[in-house]
Amino acid sequence: MPRVVHFDVDSDDPQRAIGFYAGVFGWKFDKWEGPMEYWLITTGPDGEAGINGGMGIRSEGGLSFNTYRCTIEVPDADEYAAKVRENGGQTLMDKMAIPGVGWFVPCVDSEGNHFGLMQSDDSAR
């Protein structure tokens, strides 16, 4: 059964947001070495219940939100994107490669809530 594996936070000022979340929750931020400005967020120790996330700059990549978006790992992004559409949701873009990570599809559910699908594939380019 697919599970939520990641969340995203958008920010206008990444250093300000890092200060906020580190100060309030003690979260750890590590700059991602990929092709866009992105920080990986560690919310707690491995083996403890919960998920980690990431933070990008609002509107980088053409999508901009004022929410936390959850990402659900799926075995086949195309198959699950079709299921999203068949069940009254929308896909906002065709699947896109996140280099070295996998294939991402931004979606909206039947109630207007945004979420993402992720097919892990370290050869994605």
Protein backbone atom coordinates (compact mmCIF):
# COMPACT_ATOMS: atom_id res chain seq x y z
CA MET A 1 0.00 0.00 0.00
CA PRO A 2 1.51 3.41 -0.93
CA ARG A 3 2.54 5.58 2.05
CA VAL A 4 3.34 9.23 2.66
CA VAL A 5 7.15 9.43 2.53
CA HIS A 6 7.98 13.15 2.29
CA PHE A 7 6.58 16.64 2.80
CA ASP A 8 7.53 19.94 1.18
CA VAL A 9 7.52 23.48 2.56
CA ASP A 10 7.81 26.46 0.20
CA SER A 11 9.52 29.63 1.38
CA ASP A 12 10.09 33.18 0.20
CA ASP A 13 13.25 33.47 2.30
CA PRO A 14 14.89 30.07 2.93
CA GLN A 15 17.25 31.32 5.67
CA ARG A 16 14.36 32.91 7.55
CA ALA A 17 12.31 29.71 7.23
CA ILE A 18 15.26 27.57 8.35
CA GLY A 19 15.64 29.82 11.39
CA PHE A 20 11.96 29.48 12.19
CA TYR A 21 11.69 25.68 11.92
CA ALA A 22 15.07 25.02 13.54
CA GLY A 23 14.19 27.42 16.34
CA VAL A 24 10.70 26.10 16.97
CA PHE A 25 11.12 22.36 16.35
CA GLY A 26 14.88 21.76 16.24
CA TRP A 27 14.67 20.45 12.67
CA LYS A 28 17.97 20.01 10.81
CA PHE A 29 18.43 21.46 7.29
CA ASP A 30 20.99 20.26 4.74
CA LYS A 31 21.46 21.93 1.35
CA TRP A 32 20.68 19.48 -1.45
CA GLU A 33 23.40 19.19 -4.11
CA GLY A 34 20.87 18.90 -6.96
CA PRO A 35 20.08 21.34 -9.78
CA MET A 36 17.75 23.62 -7.78
CA GLU A 37 17.81 25.52 -4.48
CA TYR A 38 16.46 22.90 -2.07
CA TRP A 39 17.13 21.87 1.53
CA LEU A 40 16.48 18.42 3.01
CA ILE A 41 14.72 18.55 6.38
CA THR A 42 15.39 15.99 9.09
CA THR A 43 12.58 16.07 11.64
CA GLY A 44 13.87 13.34 13.95
CA PRO A 45 16.06 10.25 14.24
CA ASP A 46 15.79 7.34 11.81
CA GLY A 47 13.74 4.52 13.30
CA GLU A 48 11.40 6.92 15.09
CA ALA A 49 7.84 7.38 13.79
CA GLY A 50 7.45 10.32 11.42
CA ILE A 51 8.69 11.54 8.05
CA ASN A 52 11.35 13.92 6.82
CA GLY A 53 10.83 16.58 4.19
CA GLY A 54 12.32 19.33 2.13
CA MET A 55 12.11 23.05 1.51
CA GLY A 56 12.38 24.97 -1.73
CA ILE A 57 11.96 28.53 -2.86
CA ARG A 58 8.33 29.43 -3.53
CA SER A 59 7.44 29.35 -7.24
CA GLU A 60 10.76 27.78 -8.33
CA GLY A 61 9.84 25.18 -10.95
CA GLY A 62 6.51 26.84 -11.78
CA LEU A 63 4.50 25.60 -8.77
CA SER A 64 3.82 27.80 -5.75
CA PHE A 65 1.90 26.90 -2.60
CA ASN A 66 1.22 28.17 0.89
CA THR A 67 0.83 24.71 2.40
CA TYR A 68 2.75 21.62 3.33
CA ARG A 69 2.57 19.15 0.47
CA CYS A 70 2.90 15.46 1.20
CA THR A 71 4.54 13.13 -1.29
CA ILE A 72 3.36 9.54 -1.64
CA GLU A 73 5.79 6.92 -2.92
CA VAL A 74 4.27 4.76 -5.68
CA PRO A 75 5.73 1.94 -7.76
CA ASP A 76 4.70 3.55 -11.09
CA ALA A 77 4.11 7.31 -11.39
CA ASP A 78 2.24 7.02 -14.70
CA GLU A 79 -0.13 4.34 -13.36
CA TYR A 80 -0.94 6.30 -10.22
CA ALA A 81 -1.30 9.60 -12.11
CA ALA A 82 -3.94 7.86 -14.22
CA LYS A 83 -5.66 6.64 -11.04
CA VAL A 84 -5.67 10.21 -9.70
CA ARG A 85 -7.47 11.42 -12.84
CA GLU A 86 -9.85 8.42 -12.91
CA ASN A 87 -10.93 9.16 -9.34
CA GLY A 88 -11.75 12.85 -9.77
CA GLY A 89 -8.34 14.43 -9.15
CA GLN A 90 -5.95 16.28 -11.43
CA THR A 91 -2.30 16.06 -12.35
CA LEU A 92 -0.78 19.53 -12.61
CA MET A 93 2.14 18.58 -14.86
CA ASP A 94 3.49 15.54 -16.64
CA LYS A 95 5.90 13.52 -14.54
CA MET A 96 9.21 15.30 -14.11
CA ALA A 97 12.61 13.93 -13.28
CA ILE A 98 14.27 14.86 -10.03
CA PRO A 99 17.82 13.88 -10.98
CA GLY A 100 19.17 10.97 -8.98
CA VAL A 101 15.94 10.68 -6.96
CA GLY A 102 13.03 9.68 -9.19
CA TRP A 103 9.92 10.80 -11.04
CA PHE A 104 7.57 13.36 -9.48
CA VAL A 105 3.97 14.21 -10.43
CA PRO A 106 2.24 17.14 -8.67
CA CYS A 107 -1.46 16.41 -8.14
CA VAL A 108 -4.68 17.82 -6.70
CA ASP A 109 -7.27 15.61 -5.04
CA SER A 110 -11.04 15.83 -5.49
CA GLU A 111 -11.21 18.46 -2.70
CA GLY A 112 -8.52 20.77 -4.06
CA ASN A 113 -5.71 19.55 -1.79
CA HIS A 114 -2.24 19.39 -3.35
CA PHE A 115 0.03 16.36 -3.00
CA GLY A 116 2.77 14.65 -4.96
CA LEU A 117 3.47 11.20 -6.35
CA MET A 118 7.07 9.93 -6.33
CA GLN A 119 8.44 6.92 -8.19
CA SER A 120 11.94 6.26 -6.86
CA ASP A 121 14.51 5.88 -9.64
CA ASP A 122 18.10 6.94 -9.05
CA SER A 123 18.70 6.95 -12.83
CA ALA A 124 16.05 9.67 -13.42
CA ARG A 125 17.46 12.59 -15.41
